[in-house]
Protein backbone atom coordinates (compact mmCIF):
# COMPACT_ATOMS: atom_id res chain seq x y z
CA MET A 1 177.66 244.33 46.16
CA ASN A 2 181.23 243.77 44.89
CA SER A 3 184.33 243.89 47.10
CA ARG A 4 185.23 247.49 46.24
CA SER A 5 181.71 248.70 47.03
CA ARG A 6 181.71 246.68 50.26
CA ARG A 7 185.00 248.24 51.38
CA LEU A 8 183.74 251.77 50.71
CA TYR A 9 180.46 250.98 52.47
CA LEU A 10 182.32 249.77 55.58
CA TRP A 11 184.66 252.77 55.44
CA LEU A 12 181.71 255.16 55.57
CA VAL A 13 180.14 253.31 58.50
CA LEU A 14 183.40 253.15 60.46
CA LEU A 15 184.12 256.82 59.75
CA ALA A 16 181.11 258.01 61.71
CA LEU A 17 181.90 255.68 64.63
CA MET A 18 185.55 256.64 64.86
CA LEU A 19 184.81 260.36 64.78
CA SER A 20 183.06 260.16 68.15
CA MET A 21 186.50 260.53 69.76
CA PHE A 22 186.50 264.18 68.70
CA CYS A 23 183.44 265.09 70.77
CA THR A 24 185.60 266.28 73.66
CA ALA A 25 187.50 268.78 71.47
CA PRO A 26 187.21 272.53 72.19
CA ALA A 27 183.98 274.08 70.94
CA GLU A 28 185.73 276.16 68.29
CA ALA A 29 187.28 273.01 66.79
CA THR A 30 184.46 270.49 67.23
CA PRO A 31 184.02 268.21 64.20
CA GLU A 32 180.58 267.74 62.69
CA TYR A 33 179.65 264.44 61.11
CA ALA A 34 176.60 262.69 59.70
CA LEU A 35 175.78 259.19 58.50
CA GLN A 36 172.78 258.45 56.29
CA THR A 37 171.32 255.15 55.14
CA GLY A 38 168.30 254.59 52.95
CA ILE A 39 166.54 252.74 50.17
CA SER A 40 165.40 254.12 46.80
CA TRP A 41 162.89 252.86 44.23
CA TYR A 42 163.02 253.86 40.55
CA ARG A 43 160.64 253.66 37.62
CA ILE A 44 162.59 254.26 34.40
CA ASN A 45 161.05 254.68 30.96
CA ASN A 46 163.40 254.10 28.00
CA PRO A 47 166.67 253.86 30.01
CA PHE A 48 168.81 253.32 26.88
CA LEU A 49 167.25 256.38 25.22
CA TYR A 50 166.03 254.65 22.07
CA PRO A 51 164.64 256.93 19.35
CA ASN A 52 160.97 257.02 18.46
CA GLY A 53 159.84 254.13 16.25
CA SER A 54 161.94 251.52 18.11
CA GLY A 55 158.95 249.53 19.34
CA SER A 56 160.35 246.24 18.02
CA GLN A 57 163.34 246.46 20.39
CA SER A 58 162.58 244.62 23.64
CA LEU A 59 164.67 247.07 25.69
CA TYR A 60 162.63 250.01 24.34
CA THR A 61 160.49 249.68 27.44
CA ALA A 62 159.97 250.74 31.04
CA GLY A 63 161.09 248.94 34.16
CA THR A 64 161.87 249.29 37.83
CA ALA A 65 165.02 249.34 39.93
CA TRP A 66 165.91 249.82 43.58
CA SER A 67 169.05 250.66 45.50
CA ASN A 68 170.56 250.38 48.96
CA ASP A 69 172.11 253.74 49.81
CA VAL A 70 174.68 254.78 52.39
CA ARG A 71 176.21 258.24 52.71
CA GLY A 72 178.59 259.86 55.16
CA ALA A 73 180.09 263.29 55.69
CA LEU A 74 182.57 265.08 57.95
CA PHE A 75 183.23 268.77 58.58
CA LEU A 76 186.46 269.09 60.54
CA PRO A 77 187.97 272.46 61.59
CA MET A 78 191.78 272.20 61.29
CA PRO A 79 192.35 273.67 63.82
CA THR A 80 189.86 276.55 63.53
CA GLU A 81 187.02 277.57 61.20
CA ARG A 82 189.52 279.44 58.99
CA SER A 83 190.93 276.06 57.88
CA ASN A 84 188.68 273.03 57.52
CA LEU A 85 188.38 269.62 55.89
CA GLN A 86 185.11 268.50 54.28
CA LEU A 87 184.64 264.84 53.31
CA THR A 88 181.48 263.49 51.68
CA GLY A 89 180.96 260.01 50.26
CA ALA A 90 178.08 257.90 48.95
CA VAL A 91 177.49 254.36 47.66
CA SER A 92 174.23 253.21 46.06
CA GLN A 93 174.06 249.54 45.07
CA MET A 94 171.67 249.36 42.11
CA ASN A 95 169.39 246.37 41.49
CA TYR A 96 167.42 246.36 38.23
CA GLY A 97 164.10 244.54 37.94
CA SER A 98 163.04 241.58 35.82
CA THR A 99 162.18 243.80 32.83
CA PHE A 100 165.90 244.03 32.11
CA GLY A 101 166.51 240.31 32.65
CA ASN A 102 166.88 239.80 28.88
CA TYR A 103 169.78 242.26 28.72
CA ASN A 104 172.24 239.47 27.90
CA ASP A 105 170.07 238.28 25.00
CA GLN A 106 170.29 241.65 23.26
CA LEU A 107 174.07 241.55 22.78
CA SER A 108 175.61 239.30 20.18
CA SER A 109 178.67 238.22 22.17
CA GLY A 110 180.33 238.33 25.55
CA GLY A 111 178.69 238.43 28.94
CA PRO A 112 177.06 237.64 31.15
CA TYR A 113 176.20 241.30 31.50
CA SER A 114 174.58 243.02 34.43
CA LEU A 115 173.54 246.58 35.17
CA ASN A 116 173.57 245.88 38.92
CA LYS A 117 176.63 247.95 39.75
CA ALA A 118 177.18 250.51 42.51
CA ILE A 119 177.05 254.28 42.05
CA LYS A 120 180.05 255.65 43.96
CA GLN A 121 180.78 259.28 44.79
CA LEU A 122 183.47 260.90 46.91
CA GLU A 123 184.26 264.58 47.43
CA ALA A 124 187.05 265.98 49.62
CA THR A 125 187.79 269.67 50.12
CA TYR A 126 190.50 271.18 52.31
CA THR A 127 190.26 274.94 52.70
CA TRP A 128 193.19 276.54 54.46
CA GLU A 129 194.10 280.01 55.68
CA PHE A 130 197.22 279.92 57.81
CA SER A 131 198.00 283.65 57.67
CA ASP A 132 196.45 286.93 56.61
CA VAL A 133 198.24 286.87 53.25
CA LEU A 134 198.07 283.24 52.08
CA ARG A 135 195.06 281.00 51.69
CA GLY A 136 194.07 278.16 49.40
CA ARG A 137 191.95 275.14 48.63
CA LEU A 138 192.50 271.49 47.70
CA PHE A 139 189.71 269.51 46.02
CA HIS A 140 189.29 265.87 45.00
CA ARG A 141 186.26 264.16 43.45
CA ILE A 142 185.54 260.72 42.02
CA ASP A 143 182.32 259.52 40.41
CA ASP A 144 181.49 256.02 39.14
CA ARG A 145 178.05 255.32 37.69
CA LEU A 146 176.18 253.70 34.82
CA TYR A 147 176.91 255.18 31.39
CA ASP A 148 174.46 257.84 30.20
CA TYR A 149 173.09 255.91 27.21
CA TYR A 150 171.99 257.74 24.08
CA GLY A 151 170.32 256.44 20.93
CA GLY A 152 170.10 252.74 21.78
CA GLU A 153 171.13 250.34 19.00
CA ILE A 154 171.42 246.57 19.26
CA VAL A 155 173.72 245.71 16.33
CA PRO A 156 177.34 246.89 16.59
CA ASN A 157 178.35 249.17 13.73
CA PRO A 158 181.88 248.57 12.35
CA ASN A 159 181.88 252.05 10.81
CA GLY A 160 180.36 253.84 13.79
CA VAL A 161 181.99 255.64 16.68
CA PRO A 162 183.17 253.83 18.67
CA ARG A 163 183.62 250.95 16.23
CA ASN A 164 182.10 247.51 16.77
CA LEU A 165 180.01 248.61 19.75
CA SER A 166 176.28 248.83 20.14
CA ASP A 167 174.78 251.74 22.02
CA ILE A 168 173.70 249.49 24.89
CA GLU A 169 177.01 247.81 25.68
CA PRO A 170 177.40 247.75 29.50
CA GLU A 171 179.60 250.62 30.60
CA PHE A 172 180.53 252.24 33.90
CA PRO A 173 182.80 255.26 33.30
CA HIS A 174 185.10 256.56 36.04
CA THR A 175 185.54 260.31 36.48
CA ARG A 176 188.25 261.84 38.65
CA GLU A 177 188.80 265.53 39.28
CA ASP A 178 191.55 267.26 41.31
CA SER A 179 192.37 270.91 41.83
CA ALA A 180 194.60 273.08 43.99
CA GLU A 181 194.40 276.83 44.51
CA ILE A 182 196.74 279.19 46.32
CA ALA A 183 195.92 282.88 46.67
CA TYR A 184 198.16 285.74 47.78
CA ARG A 185 196.17 288.49 49.52
CA ILE A 186 197.43 291.99 48.71
CA ASN A 187 194.89 293.68 51.00
CA ASN A 188 191.39 293.08 52.35
CA HIS A 189 189.87 293.50 48.88
CA ILE A 190 192.37 292.13 46.34
CA ASP A 191 194.07 288.76 46.02
CA LEU A 192 195.90 286.84 43.30
CA PRO A 193 194.69 283.21 42.96
CA LEU A 194 196.66 280.59 41.01
CA THR A 195 194.72 277.38 40.27
CA TRP A 196 195.83 274.01 38.89
CA SER A 197 193.23 271.44 37.85
CA GLN A 198 193.24 267.92 36.43
CA GLN A 199 190.44 265.71 35.20
CA THR A 200 190.39 262.16 33.84
CA LEU A 201 187.62 260.13 32.22
CA SER A 202 188.12 256.35 31.91
CA TYR A 203 185.88 253.75 30.26
CA LEU A 204 185.91 250.00 30.89
CA ASP A 205 185.08 248.86 27.36
CA ALA A 206 188.12 248.83 25.07
CA GLY A 207 186.24 250.43 22.17
CA ARG A 208 185.02 253.39 24.18
CA ALA A 209 188.36 253.67 25.99
CA GLU A 210 190.15 253.96 22.64
CA MET A 211 187.96 256.81 21.46
CA TYR A 212 186.90 258.68 24.59
CA ASN A 213 189.35 258.17 27.45
CA MET A 214 190.38 261.70 28.32
CA ASP A 215 193.04 263.55 30.32
CA SER A 216 192.67 267.26 30.98
CA ASN A 217 195.16 269.57 32.72
CA GLY A 218 194.53 273.24 33.38
CA LEU A 219 196.37 276.20 34.89
CA GLN A 220 194.63 279.49 35.70
CA ALA A 221 196.00 282.81 36.92
CA ALA A 222 193.74 285.70 37.90
CA VAL A 223 193.30 288.85 39.93
CA ARG A 224 190.22 288.94 42.18
CA TYR A 225 188.49 291.88 43.85
CA ARG A 226 186.04 291.51 46.75
CA SER A 227 183.99 294.51 47.88
CA SER A 228 182.73 295.25 51.37
CA ASP A 229 179.29 293.83 50.46
CA GLU A 230 180.92 290.52 49.33
CA SER A 231 180.50 291.21 45.61
CA THR A 232 183.40 289.81 43.60
CA MET A 233 185.00 290.46 40.22
CA SER A 234 187.93 288.57 38.72
CA ALA A 235 189.83 288.55 35.45
CA GLY A 236 192.52 286.25 34.20
CA VAL A 237 193.71 283.59 31.79
CA LYS A 238 193.26 279.82 31.80
CA ARG A 239 195.14 277.29 29.70
CA THR A 240 193.68 273.76 29.40
CA LYS A 241 195.30 270.86 27.58
CA VAL A 242 192.88 268.05 26.65
CA GLU A 243 194.22 264.72 25.39
CA PHE A 244 192.58 261.49 24.21
CA PRO A 245 195.54 259.17 24.85
CA GLU A 246 194.07 255.89 23.54
CA ARG A 247 193.18 257.04 20.02
CA ILE A 248 194.78 255.23 17.12
CA ALA A 249 195.84 256.77 13.79
CA GLU A 250 192.41 256.31 12.21
CA ASP A 251 190.74 258.12 15.10
CA ILE A 252 193.30 260.93 15.04
CA ALA A 253 192.82 261.49 11.31
CA GLN A 254 189.13 262.14 11.89
CA TYR A 255 188.91 263.55 15.43
CA ASP A 256 192.51 264.52 16.31
CA SER A 257 194.37 263.46 19.45
CA GLY A 258 193.53 266.52 21.53
CA TYR A 259 193.63 270.28 21.72
CA ILE A 260 194.71 273.22 23.87
CA ASP A 261 192.22 275.89 24.98
CA THR A 262 193.48 279.31 26.05
CA GLU A 263 190.76 281.46 27.59
CA PHE A 264 190.88 285.11 28.66
CA PHE A 265 187.94 285.66 30.98
CA THR A 266 186.10 287.97 33.37
CA ASP A 267 183.78 286.80 36.16
CA LEU A 268 181.34 288.91 38.17
CA ALA A 269 179.11 288.19 41.18
CA TRP A 270 177.31 291.40 42.10
CA HIS A 271 175.11 291.60 45.20
CA TYR A 272 172.68 294.08 43.74
CA SER A 273 170.60 293.96 46.93
CA PRO A 274 170.33 291.71 49.99
CA GLN A 275 167.82 289.62 48.00
CA THR A 276 169.39 289.67 44.52
CA THR A 277 172.73 288.50 43.12
CA LEU A 278 173.69 288.93 39.47
CA LEU A 279 176.28 286.59 37.92
CA ALA A 280 178.24 286.94 34.69
CA HIS A 281 181.07 285.20 32.86
CA VAL A 282 182.61 286.33 29.56
CA GLY A 283 185.54 284.57 27.97
CA GLY A 284 187.25 284.35 24.61
CA ILE A 285 188.73 280.89 23.84
CA VAL A 286 191.46 280.14 21.32
CA ARG A 287 191.37 276.40 20.53
CA HIS A 288 194.48 274.87 18.94
CA PHE A 289 194.25 271.24 17.79
CA ASP A 290 197.28 268.98 18.08
CA THR A 291 197.68 267.76 14.49
CA ILE A 292 195.05 269.32 12.21
CA ALA A 293 195.77 273.04 12.18
CA ASP A 294 192.84 273.77 9.85
CA ARG A 295 190.51 273.16 12.79
CA ASP A 296 192.03 275.81 15.04
CA SER A 297 189.18 278.06 16.10
CA ARG A 298 188.03 280.93 18.29
CA LEU A 299 185.07 280.30 20.58
CA LEU A 300 182.90 282.39 22.88
CA SER A 301 182.16 281.37 26.45
CA ALA A 302 179.48 283.54 28.06
CA GLU A 303 176.94 283.11 30.84
CA LEU A 304 174.50 285.38 32.67
CA GLY A 305 172.67 284.37 35.82
CA MET A 306 170.57 285.69 38.67
CA ASN A 307 169.62 284.46 42.16
CA TRP A 308 166.60 286.21 43.68
CA HIS A 309 165.33 285.57 47.19
CA PHE A 310 161.74 286.44 46.38
CA SER A 311 160.64 285.80 49.97
CA PRO A 312 162.03 284.08 53.07
CA LYS A 313 160.53 280.83 51.74
CA THR A 314 161.08 281.19 47.97
CA THR A 315 164.24 281.51 45.87
CA LEU A 316 164.21 281.93 42.09
CA SER A 317 167.26 281.56 39.85
CA GLY A 318 167.94 281.58 36.15
CA ARG A 319 170.79 281.58 33.69
CA ILE A 320 171.52 281.73 29.98
CA TRP A 321 174.74 280.54 28.40
CA ASN A 322 176.82 279.90 25.30
CA HIS A 323 180.00 277.87 25.66
CA PRO A 324 181.82 274.70 24.54
CA LEU A 325 180.47 271.62 26.32
CA PRO A 326 182.99 269.79 28.56
CA ASN A 327 184.17 266.43 27.22
CA ASP A 328 183.72 264.62 30.56
CA GLN A 329 180.20 263.58 29.59
CA ALA A 330 178.70 260.95 27.27
CA ASP A 331 180.42 260.42 23.92
CA SER A 332 177.46 261.95 22.11
CA GLN A 333 178.78 265.33 23.24
CA LEU A 334 182.20 265.56 21.62
CA TYR A 335 183.36 268.96 20.26
CA VAL A 336 179.93 270.47 20.92
CA ILE A 337 178.97 274.12 21.34
CA THR A 338 175.90 274.59 23.52
CA HIS A 339 173.62 277.52 24.24
CA GLY A 340 170.54 277.47 26.39
CA ILE A 341 168.39 278.83 29.18
CA GLU A 342 167.53 277.42 32.61
CA ALA A 343 165.08 278.42 35.34
CA LYS A 344 164.84 277.04 38.87
CA ALA A 345 162.50 277.65 41.79
CA LEU A 346 163.03 276.55 45.39
CA TRP A 347 160.09 276.78 47.81
CA GLN A 348 160.23 276.00 51.51
CA ALA A 349 156.55 275.16 51.77
CA THR A 350 156.73 274.31 55.48
CA PRO A 351 159.62 273.84 57.92
CA LYS A 352 159.48 270.13 57.00
CA THR A 353 158.72 270.27 53.26
CA GLN A 354 160.79 271.70 50.42
CA VAL A 355 159.82 271.76 46.72
CA SER A 356 162.22 272.48 43.85
CA MET A 357 161.43 272.79 40.16
CA LEU A 358 163.86 273.06 37.24
CA SER A 359 163.39 273.46 33.51
CA SER A 360 165.97 274.00 30.78
CA VAL A 361 166.13 274.21 27.00
CA GLU A 362 169.47 273.70 25.29
CA ILE A 363 170.70 273.66 21.69
CA GLN A 364 173.75 271.46 21.08
CA LYS A 365 175.68 271.84 17.84
CA SER A 366 178.79 269.99 16.78
CA GLN A 367 181.69 272.36 16.19
CA VAL A 368 181.90 273.39 12.52
CA PHE A 369 185.25 272.81 10.81
CA SER A 370 186.53 273.98 7.44
CA ASP A 371 187.46 270.47 6.28
CA THR A 372 185.10 267.54 5.74
CA LEU A 373 186.94 264.83 7.69
CA ILE A 374 185.05 265.47 10.92
CA SER A 375 181.80 263.65 11.50
CA SER A 376 179.67 263.69 14.59
CA PRO A 377 178.86 260.69 16.80
CA LEU A 378 175.39 262.21 17.10
CA THR A 379 172.43 261.03 15.10
CA SER A 380 172.15 264.73 14.37
CA SER A 381 174.85 267.40 14.76
CA ASN A 382 172.18 269.88 15.82
CA ASP A 383 169.98 268.75 18.72
CA LYS A 384 167.47 270.39 21.05
CA VAL A 385 167.51 269.09 24.63
CA VAL A 386 164.67 269.80 27.09
CA ASN A 387 164.97 268.82 30.76
CA LEU A 388 162.21 269.06 33.38
CA ASN A 389 162.57 268.14 37.05
CA LEU A 390 160.34 268.26 40.12
CA ARG A 391 161.67 267.28 43.55
CA ILE A 392 159.79 267.14 46.85
CA ASP A 393 161.63 266.59 50.15
CA HIS A 394 159.67 265.98 53.33
CA ASN A 395 161.19 265.46 56.78
CA ILE A 396 158.91 263.11 58.68
CA THR A 397 161.16 263.78 61.67
CA ARG A 398 164.44 265.63 61.86
CA ASN A 399 166.27 262.35 61.11
CA LEU A 400 163.78 260.51 58.85
CA SER A 401 163.03 261.94 55.40
CA VAL A 402 161.35 260.96 52.15
CA ARG A 403 162.15 262.29 48.66
CA VAL A 404 160.15 262.13 45.44
CA ASP A 405 162.03 263.08 42.26
CA LEU A 406 160.44 263.28 38.79
CA THR A 407 162.63 263.83 35.70
CA ARG A 408 161.77 264.10 32.02
CA GLN A 409 164.36 264.41 29.25
CA ASN A 410 163.52 265.00 25.60
CA ILE A 411 166.10 265.24 22.80
CA ALA A 412 164.99 266.13 19.28
CA ALA A 413 167.17 266.15 16.17
CA ARG A 414 166.90 269.53 14.44
CA ASP A 415 167.07 268.12 10.91
CA ASP A 416 164.83 266.27 8.45
CA SER A 417 165.04 262.94 10.28
CA ASN A 418 162.24 263.80 12.75
CA LEU A 419 163.95 261.65 15.36
CA TYR A 420 163.43 262.30 19.05
CA TYR A 421 164.53 260.55 22.21
CA ARG A 422 162.51 260.63 25.44
CA ARG A 423 163.28 259.30 28.92
CA ASN A 424 161.22 259.61 32.12
CA THR A 425 162.40 258.68 35.61
CA ILE A 426 160.57 258.52 38.94
CA MET A 427 162.56 258.09 42.14
CA ILE A 428 161.17 257.65 45.66
CA SER A 429 163.65 257.31 48.53
CA LEU A 430 163.43 256.92 52.28
CA ASN A 431 166.49 257.97 54.32
CA TYR A 432 167.50 257.98 57.97
CA THR A 433 170.30 260.33 59.05
CA PHE A 434 172.30 260.37 62.27
CA ASP A 435 174.48 263.39 63.17
CA ASN A 436 176.43 264.28 66.30
CA PHE A 437 174.66 267.61 66.92
CA SER A 438 172.39 270.08 65.17
CA GLY A 439 173.29 273.29 63.38
CA PRO A 440 171.64 276.73 63.49
CA TYR A 441 167.92 276.94 62.73
CA THR A 442 167.43 279.53 59.97
CA ASP A 443 165.07 280.21 57.04
CA ASP A 444 167.55 278.39 54.77
CA ASN A 445 168.01 275.54 57.28
CA PRO A 446 164.68 275.07 59.08
CA GLN A 447 165.58 271.57 60.33
CA GLY A 448 168.85 272.71 61.87
CA PHE A 449 171.10 270.33 59.94
CA ASN A 450 174.76 270.59 60.82
CA ARG A 451 177.28 271.29 58.08
CA ALA A 452 178.10 267.61 57.49
CA HIS A 453 174.39 266.83 56.99
CA GLN A 454 174.16 269.73 54.54
CA GLN A 455 177.12 268.31 52.62
CA ILE A 456 175.18 265.07 52.11
CA GLU A 457 172.15 267.00 50.83
CA THR A 458 174.37 268.93 48.39
CA LEU A 459 175.99 265.72 47.09
CA GLN A 460 172.54 264.28 46.30
């Protein structure tokens, strides 16, 4: 564990101990906190996502890994429930097995290389409501983890993107997200929210940093209506400026230095019945590129969803969408338009056991431009992505729990190459959680976790 990981680990441990001083606070302002520690075991098949037919590559294989995990959370009313601070953090120190011991041998220069880095997550939310007319929210998130590899290649390609890098170079991108919202309440049903947001994506490797380091700044103004049954509808405009500040002239000539998106949108969350909520988003985006005006375009952003509480123990949800894919993900998803469908089921089998299942099918297409300078980092500019996930959580006791998580990802190029990429992951984790007191026992919270404990579960 490196020094930065060690400091964050100690900070999370000390946080829970120091918060005990709040236990004598008035009941309406009592803080809730939780500390969780655990160990996880992984079985990973094709971690670098090599294409089919790569059997000669020694890293086109399966192997094991394990991690030491520590997580902490705080829910602090400031000074009442109307204003509160939520802090959630996690560190998982990864340790990869002997199968990946030849990782250094696969790269032609540099090193020594190691995948044994820590996954670090932090989320902080401050929700405030100091009067009947003004309320708002501050949000901060950081995420550091191993790069989401795609299309493993050993030999660096001087003409590829990014140049002179293989697709298995060690990489640990850093994502940071901040936002602030202030809303003026006209009456009990209508308010006017104004939201500022910022996002940064930073790579360690100079080649990836040059091409894919990203800064994004957004400003959104809207009018929002909330009915007596808690249904909401909002409409407004959002302007987002995306920049790739490290790109050189050659990169800009082919991919540009950034763009500005202006979206006019409408959002709806309609509580059709106590069991059913319908969700919708429709937006028209005007995209203006910084230097190559011929690529200016109009895009559609649309999504429909539904949450259905089929029974006290079962919740079903689904959504379909068509929208530009955010650029805060792997470099294989630059200037991509995606449309797909997703279904999810959550079953509280017993008060101690919960089962969730998710499946999705997504088509990712590189944005089509009128000129021929643009080329996609993808093996194919038209890919089909299928994700399947099964998760089982069982609480041996209220504080001791075990989780089994099975994931399968399949990416197929929709062209004549017949290439496909497949990765399977099995995770088994054992966690012990301490919290200062329990929360309400309900159908949605049969173990009576307090709000800090629930924040940890959401972060995972």
